[in-house]
Amino acid sequence: MNRILAGILAAAVLGAVGLFFGGRLLSGAPASESAESEEVTYICRETGELVRGSRDEPPEVGGCQELVQALYCPQCQKWYPFPPPEVLRRMPRGPECPKHRSGLLEEIPETENEIAQQE
């Protein structure tokens, strides 16, 4: 009887330790530690003009009524307007490129930034 209880206790302890460390390994970095830029790119829906500005408050751009956050497609190498909330709700995978159906990014990946600066 004592051997059975000792075995159950050992299995429970090993399971709890495995669950704890497994959860830590799979969770990744907390959101507060992720490197989120203070500035994002905005696009004017009327003119297509790109502007960098604060994440919290879009900049004032003359002649632009609809300034929204822009997202970048690495395959097209183009910026697209962030979808409106009603459209975003119908996108279970998040915003994607209308042409390639690949995920859109807030920033140009570093390798493409370096190539663009060299040109």
N, C-alpha and C. Protein backbone atom coordinates (compact mmCIF):
# COMPACT_ATOMS: atom_id res chain seq x y z
N MET A 1 0.82 -1.19 0.00
CA MET A 1 0.00 0.00 0.00
C MET A 1 0.87 1.26 0.00
N ASN A 2 1.93 1.27 0.85
CA ASN A 2 2.82 2.43 0.91
C ASN A 2 3.59 2.62 -0.39
N ARG A 3 3.93 1.51 -1.06
CA ARG A 3 4.65 1.59 -2.33
C ARG A 3 3.77 2.23 -3.40
N ILE A 4 2.49 1.90 -3.39
CA ILE A 4 1.57 2.45 -4.37
C ILE A 4 1.43 3.96 -4.16
N LEU A 5 1.25 4.37 -2.91
CA LEU A 5 1.14 5.81 -2.61
C LEU A 5 2.42 6.55 -2.95
N ALA A 6 3.58 5.94 -2.67
CA ALA A 6 4.86 6.57 -3.00
C ALA A 6 5.00 6.71 -4.52
N GLY A 7 4.57 5.72 -5.28
CA GLY A 7 4.62 5.78 -6.75
C GLY A 7 3.71 6.86 -7.30
N ILE A 8 2.50 6.96 -6.74
CA ILE A 8 1.56 7.99 -7.18
C ILE A 8 2.10 9.37 -6.86
N LEU A 9 2.66 9.54 -5.66
CA LEU A 9 3.22 10.83 -5.25
C LEU A 9 4.39 11.21 -6.15
N ALA A 10 5.28 10.25 -6.46
CA ALA A 10 6.43 10.52 -7.33
C ALA A 10 5.95 10.92 -8.73
N ALA A 11 4.95 10.23 -9.26
CA ALA A 11 4.43 10.55 -10.58
C ALA A 11 3.78 11.94 -10.59
N ALA A 12 3.07 12.28 -9.53
CA ALA A 12 2.44 13.60 -9.44
C ALA A 12 3.48 14.70 -9.39
N VAL A 13 4.55 14.50 -8.62
CA VAL A 13 5.62 15.51 -8.51
C VAL A 13 6.32 15.67 -9.86
N LEU A 14 6.65 14.56 -10.50
CA LEU A 14 7.30 14.64 -11.82
C LEU A 14 6.39 15.32 -12.85
N GLY A 15 5.10 15.00 -12.80
CA GLY A 15 4.16 15.62 -13.72
C GLY A 15 4.05 17.12 -13.49
N ALA A 16 4.00 17.54 -12.24
CA ALA A 16 3.90 18.97 -11.92
C ALA A 16 5.16 19.72 -12.35
N VAL A 17 6.33 19.13 -12.10
CA VAL A 17 7.59 19.76 -12.51
C VAL A 17 7.66 19.85 -14.04
N GLY A 18 7.28 18.77 -14.72
CA GLY A 18 7.28 18.77 -16.19
C GLY A 18 6.32 19.79 -16.75
N LEU A 19 5.14 19.90 -16.16
CA LEU A 19 4.16 20.87 -16.61
C LEU A 19 4.66 22.31 -16.42
N PHE A 20 5.28 22.56 -15.28
CA PHE A 20 5.80 23.89 -15.00
C PHE A 20 6.88 24.29 -16.00
N PHE A 21 7.90 23.44 -16.17
CA PHE A 21 8.99 23.77 -17.07
C PHE A 21 8.56 23.74 -18.53
N GLY A 22 7.67 22.83 -18.89
CA GLY A 22 7.16 22.78 -20.26
C GLY A 22 6.39 24.04 -20.60
N GLY A 23 5.58 24.51 -19.67
CA GLY A 23 4.83 25.75 -19.88
C GLY A 23 5.74 26.95 -20.03
N ARG A 24 6.81 26.98 -19.24
CA ARG A 24 7.78 28.08 -19.33
C ARG A 24 8.49 28.09 -20.68
N LEU A 25 8.87 26.91 -21.15
CA LEU A 25 9.59 26.82 -22.42
C LEU A 25 8.69 27.20 -23.60
N LEU A 26 7.43 26.82 -23.57
CA LEU A 26 6.54 27.07 -24.69
C LEU A 26 5.93 28.46 -24.70
N SER A 27 5.94 29.13 -23.56
CA SER A 27 5.27 30.43 -23.48
C SER A 27 6.03 31.54 -24.17
N GLY A 28 7.34 31.44 -24.30
CA GLY A 28 8.13 32.49 -24.92
C GLY A 28 8.25 33.69 -24.00
N ALA A 29 8.61 34.84 -24.58
CA ALA A 29 8.78 36.06 -23.79
C ALA A 29 7.42 36.68 -23.50
N PRO A 30 7.24 37.22 -22.30
CA PRO A 30 5.98 37.92 -22.01
C PRO A 30 5.82 39.14 -22.91
N ALA A 31 4.58 39.55 -23.11
CA ALA A 31 4.29 40.68 -24.01
C ALA A 31 5.01 41.94 -23.57
N SER A 32 5.21 42.11 -22.26
CA SER A 32 5.87 43.33 -21.78
C SER A 32 7.35 43.36 -22.18
N GLU A 33 7.94 42.19 -22.46
CA GLU A 33 9.35 42.13 -22.83
C GLU A 33 9.57 42.18 -24.34
N SER A 34 8.50 42.06 -25.13
CA SER A 34 8.67 42.06 -26.58
C SER A 34 9.09 43.45 -27.04
N ALA A 35 9.91 43.47 -28.08
CA ALA A 35 10.44 44.75 -28.57
C ALA A 35 9.42 45.38 -29.50
N GLU A 36 8.55 46.20 -28.95
CA GLU A 36 7.55 46.89 -29.75
C GLU A 36 8.00 48.32 -29.96
N SER A 37 8.09 48.72 -31.19
CA SER A 37 8.57 50.04 -31.55
C SER A 37 7.60 51.12 -31.07
N GLU A 38 8.16 52.27 -30.70
CA GLU A 38 7.34 53.41 -30.29
C GLU A 38 6.66 54.06 -31.49
N GLU A 39 7.26 53.91 -32.66
CA GLU A 39 6.71 54.50 -33.88
C GLU A 39 6.24 53.41 -34.83
N VAL A 40 5.20 53.72 -35.58
CA VAL A 40 4.70 52.82 -36.60
C VAL A 40 4.52 53.61 -37.90
N THR A 41 4.29 52.89 -38.98
CA THR A 41 4.06 53.53 -40.27
C THR A 41 2.56 53.67 -40.49
N TYR A 42 2.16 54.84 -40.97
CA TYR A 42 0.76 55.11 -41.30
C TYR A 42 0.65 55.32 -42.80
N ILE A 43 -0.52 55.02 -43.35
CA ILE A 43 -0.77 55.23 -44.78
C ILE A 43 -2.08 56.00 -44.93
N CYS A 44 -2.06 56.95 -45.83
CA CYS A 44 -3.27 57.72 -46.14
C CYS A 44 -4.07 56.91 -47.16
N ARG A 45 -5.31 56.60 -46.84
CA ARG A 45 -6.13 55.79 -47.75
C ARG A 45 -6.44 56.52 -49.06
N GLU A 46 -6.48 57.86 -49.04
CA GLU A 46 -6.80 58.60 -50.26
C GLU A 46 -5.59 58.71 -51.19
N THR A 47 -4.42 59.06 -50.64
CA THR A 47 -3.25 59.34 -51.47
C THR A 47 -2.22 58.21 -51.50
N GLY A 48 -2.24 57.33 -50.51
CA GLY A 48 -1.25 56.27 -50.42
C GLY A 48 0.06 56.74 -49.80
N GLU A 49 0.10 57.99 -49.32
CA GLU A 49 1.31 58.54 -48.72
C GLU A 49 1.64 57.81 -47.41
N LEU A 50 2.92 57.49 -47.22
CA LEU A 50 3.39 56.84 -46.00
C LEU A 50 3.99 57.86 -45.06
N VAL A 51 3.67 57.74 -43.77
CA VAL A 51 4.17 58.66 -42.75
C VAL A 51 4.50 57.85 -41.50
N ARG A 52 5.64 58.17 -40.86
CA ARG A 52 5.98 57.54 -39.58
C ARG A 52 5.45 58.43 -38.47
N GLY A 53 4.94 57.79 -37.40
CA GLY A 53 4.41 58.56 -36.29
C GLY A 53 4.28 57.71 -35.04
N SER A 54 3.86 58.35 -33.98
CA SER A 54 3.70 57.70 -32.68
C SER A 54 2.64 56.60 -32.75
N ARG A 55 2.88 55.50 -32.05
CA ARG A 55 1.93 54.40 -32.00
C ARG A 55 0.62 54.84 -31.33
N ASP A 56 0.73 55.74 -30.35
CA ASP A 56 -0.44 56.15 -29.57
C ASP A 56 -1.34 57.14 -30.30
N GLU A 57 -0.74 58.04 -31.07
CA GLU A 57 -1.54 59.09 -31.72
C GLU A 57 -1.03 59.32 -33.14
N PRO A 58 -1.87 59.12 -34.16
CA PRO A 58 -1.43 59.33 -35.53
C PRO A 58 -1.04 60.79 -35.78
N PRO A 59 -0.06 61.03 -36.64
CA PRO A 59 0.34 62.41 -36.95
C PRO A 59 -0.71 63.11 -37.80
N GLU A 60 -0.66 64.42 -37.78
CA GLU A 60 -1.54 65.24 -38.63
C GLU A 60 -0.90 65.34 -40.02
N VAL A 61 -1.66 64.97 -41.04
CA VAL A 61 -1.17 65.06 -42.42
C VAL A 61 -2.17 65.88 -43.21
N GLY A 62 -1.69 66.96 -43.82
CA GLY A 62 -2.56 67.84 -44.59
C GLY A 62 -3.15 67.13 -45.79
N GLY A 63 -4.44 67.27 -46.00
CA GLY A 63 -5.11 66.70 -47.17
C GLY A 63 -5.46 65.23 -47.02
N CYS A 64 -5.30 64.69 -45.83
CA CYS A 64 -5.60 63.27 -45.62
C CYS A 64 -6.69 63.14 -44.56
N GLN A 65 -7.82 62.59 -44.97
CA GLN A 65 -8.94 62.41 -44.05
C GLN A 65 -8.86 61.08 -43.31
N GLU A 66 -8.33 60.05 -43.98
CA GLU A 66 -8.29 58.71 -43.40
C GLU A 66 -6.85 58.20 -43.32
N LEU A 67 -6.20 58.45 -42.19
CA LEU A 67 -4.84 57.98 -41.96
C LEU A 67 -4.92 56.78 -41.03
N VAL A 68 -4.46 55.62 -41.52
CA VAL A 68 -4.53 54.38 -40.73
C VAL A 68 -3.14 53.74 -40.67
N GLN A 69 -2.98 52.84 -39.72
CA GLN A 69 -1.70 52.14 -39.61
C GLN A 69 -1.48 51.29 -40.85
N ALA A 70 -0.23 51.25 -41.30
CA ALA A 70 0.13 50.47 -42.49
C ALA A 70 0.84 49.19 -42.06
N LEU A 71 0.64 48.13 -42.83
CA LEU A 71 1.31 46.85 -42.60
C LEU A 71 2.06 46.47 -43.87
N TYR A 72 3.21 45.82 -43.69
CA TYR A 72 4.13 45.55 -44.80
C TYR A 72 4.07 44.08 -45.22
N CYS A 73 4.04 43.85 -46.53
CA CYS A 73 4.13 42.49 -47.08
C CYS A 73 5.54 42.28 -47.61
N PRO A 74 6.30 41.36 -47.02
CA PRO A 74 7.67 41.13 -47.48
C PRO A 74 7.74 40.54 -48.89
N GLN A 75 6.70 39.82 -49.32
CA GLN A 75 6.73 39.24 -50.67
C GLN A 75 6.48 40.29 -51.74
N CYS A 76 5.48 41.15 -51.53
CA CYS A 76 5.18 42.24 -52.48
C CYS A 76 6.16 43.40 -52.33
N GLN A 77 6.69 43.54 -51.12
CA GLN A 77 7.48 44.69 -50.72
C GLN A 77 6.65 45.96 -50.86
N LYS A 78 5.36 45.85 -50.40
CA LYS A 78 4.43 46.97 -50.44
C LYS A 78 3.77 47.13 -49.08
N TRP A 79 3.28 48.34 -48.83
CA TRP A 79 2.54 48.65 -47.60
C TRP A 79 1.05 48.60 -47.91
N TYR A 80 0.27 48.06 -46.98
CA TYR A 80 -1.18 47.99 -47.10
C TYR A 80 -1.82 48.62 -45.88
N PRO A 81 -3.02 49.21 -46.02
CA PRO A 81 -3.71 49.77 -44.85
C PRO A 81 -4.16 48.66 -43.90
N PHE A 82 -4.10 48.95 -42.60
CA PHE A 82 -4.59 48.02 -41.60
C PHE A 82 -6.09 47.85 -41.82
N PRO A 83 -6.60 46.61 -41.80
CA PRO A 83 -8.03 46.43 -42.07
C PRO A 83 -8.91 47.00 -40.96
N PRO A 84 -10.12 47.45 -41.31
CA PRO A 84 -11.06 47.95 -40.29
C PRO A 84 -11.46 46.82 -39.34
N PRO A 85 -11.93 47.16 -38.13
CA PRO A 85 -12.27 46.14 -37.13
C PRO A 85 -13.27 45.08 -37.62
N GLU A 86 -14.28 45.49 -38.40
CA GLU A 86 -15.26 44.51 -38.87
C GLU A 86 -14.65 43.50 -39.84
N VAL A 87 -13.68 43.91 -40.63
CA VAL A 87 -12.99 43.00 -41.54
C VAL A 87 -11.99 42.15 -40.75
N LEU A 88 -11.32 42.76 -39.80
CA LEU A 88 -10.32 42.05 -38.99
C LEU A 88 -10.95 40.89 -38.22
N ARG A 89 -12.20 41.06 -37.79
CA ARG A 89 -12.89 39.98 -37.06
C ARG A 89 -13.08 38.75 -37.93
N ARG A 90 -13.14 38.93 -39.24
CA ARG A 90 -13.32 37.80 -40.16
C ARG A 90 -12.00 37.21 -40.62
N MET A 91 -10.89 37.65 -40.03
CA MET A 91 -9.56 37.15 -40.39
C MET A 91 -8.99 36.38 -39.21
N PRO A 92 -9.25 35.08 -39.11
CA PRO A 92 -8.77 34.33 -37.95
C PRO A 92 -7.25 34.28 -37.85
N ARG A 93 -6.55 34.38 -38.97
CA ARG A 93 -5.09 34.35 -38.94
C ARG A 93 -4.47 35.73 -38.82
N GLY A 94 -5.31 36.75 -38.74
CA GLY A 94 -4.80 38.12 -38.65
C GLY A 94 -4.70 38.74 -40.03
N PRO A 95 -4.21 39.98 -40.10
CA PRO A 95 -4.10 40.68 -41.39
C PRO A 95 -3.18 39.92 -42.34
N GLU A 96 -3.62 39.80 -43.59
CA GLU A 96 -2.79 39.12 -44.58
C GLU A 96 -2.79 39.89 -45.89
N CYS A 97 -1.76 39.65 -46.69
CA CYS A 97 -1.61 40.32 -47.98
C CYS A 97 -2.76 39.91 -48.91
N PRO A 98 -3.42 40.87 -49.57
CA PRO A 98 -4.52 40.52 -50.47
C PRO A 98 -4.04 39.74 -51.70
N LYS A 99 -2.77 39.86 -52.04
CA LYS A 99 -2.24 39.19 -53.23
C LYS A 99 -1.67 37.81 -52.90
N HIS A 100 -0.84 37.71 -51.84
CA HIS A 100 -0.14 36.46 -51.52
C HIS A 100 -0.76 35.66 -50.38
N ARG A 101 -1.66 36.27 -49.64
CA ARG A 101 -2.28 35.65 -48.45
C ARG A 101 -1.25 35.30 -47.38
N SER A 102 -0.12 36.01 -47.39
CA SER A 102 0.89 35.83 -46.34
C SER A 102 0.64 36.88 -45.26
N GLY A 103 1.16 36.64 -44.07
CA GLY A 103 0.97 37.57 -42.96
C GLY A 103 1.65 38.90 -43.21
N LEU A 104 1.03 39.97 -42.74
CA LEU A 104 1.59 41.31 -42.88
C LEU A 104 2.34 41.69 -41.61
N LEU A 105 3.35 42.53 -41.76
CA LEU A 105 4.23 42.92 -40.65
C LEU A 105 4.11 44.42 -40.37
N GLU A 106 4.40 44.80 -39.12
CA GLU A 106 4.39 46.24 -38.78
C GLU A 106 5.64 46.94 -39.30
N GLU A 107 6.74 46.24 -39.40
CA GLU A 107 8.01 46.83 -39.81
C GLU A 107 8.60 46.04 -40.97
N ILE A 108 9.45 46.68 -41.75
CA ILE A 108 10.20 45.99 -42.79
C ILE A 108 11.26 45.14 -42.08
N PRO A 109 11.38 43.85 -42.45
CA PRO A 109 12.41 43.02 -41.81
C PRO A 109 13.80 43.62 -41.99
N GLU A 110 14.67 43.39 -41.02
CA GLU A 110 16.01 44.00 -41.00
C GLU A 110 16.78 43.78 -42.29
N THR A 111 16.76 42.59 -42.87
CA THR A 111 17.54 42.35 -44.09
C THR A 111 17.06 43.23 -45.22
N GLU A 112 15.76 43.45 -45.32
CA GLU A 112 15.23 44.32 -46.38
C GLU A 112 15.54 45.79 -46.09
N ASN A 113 15.57 46.17 -44.81
CA ASN A 113 15.95 47.54 -44.44
C ASN A 113 17.36 47.83 -44.92
N GLU A 114 18.28 46.88 -44.69
CA GLU A 114 19.67 47.09 -45.08
C GLU A 114 19.80 47.19 -46.58
N ILE A 115 19.05 46.38 -47.33
CA ILE A 115 19.10 46.43 -48.80
C ILE A 115 18.56 47.76 -49.29
N ALA A 116 17.45 48.25 -48.71
CA ALA A 116 16.84 49.51 -49.14
C ALA A 116 17.78 50.69 -48.86
N GLN A 117 18.54 50.64 -47.76
CA GLN A 117 19.44 51.73 -47.43
C GLN A 117 20.66 51.76 -48.35
N GLN A 118 21.06 50.61 -48.88
CA GLN A 118 22.22 50.55 -49.77
C GLN A 118 21.89 51.09 -51.15
N GLU A 119 20.64 51.03 -51.55
CA GLU A 119 20.25 51.45 -52.91
C GLU A 119 20.21 52.94 -53.06
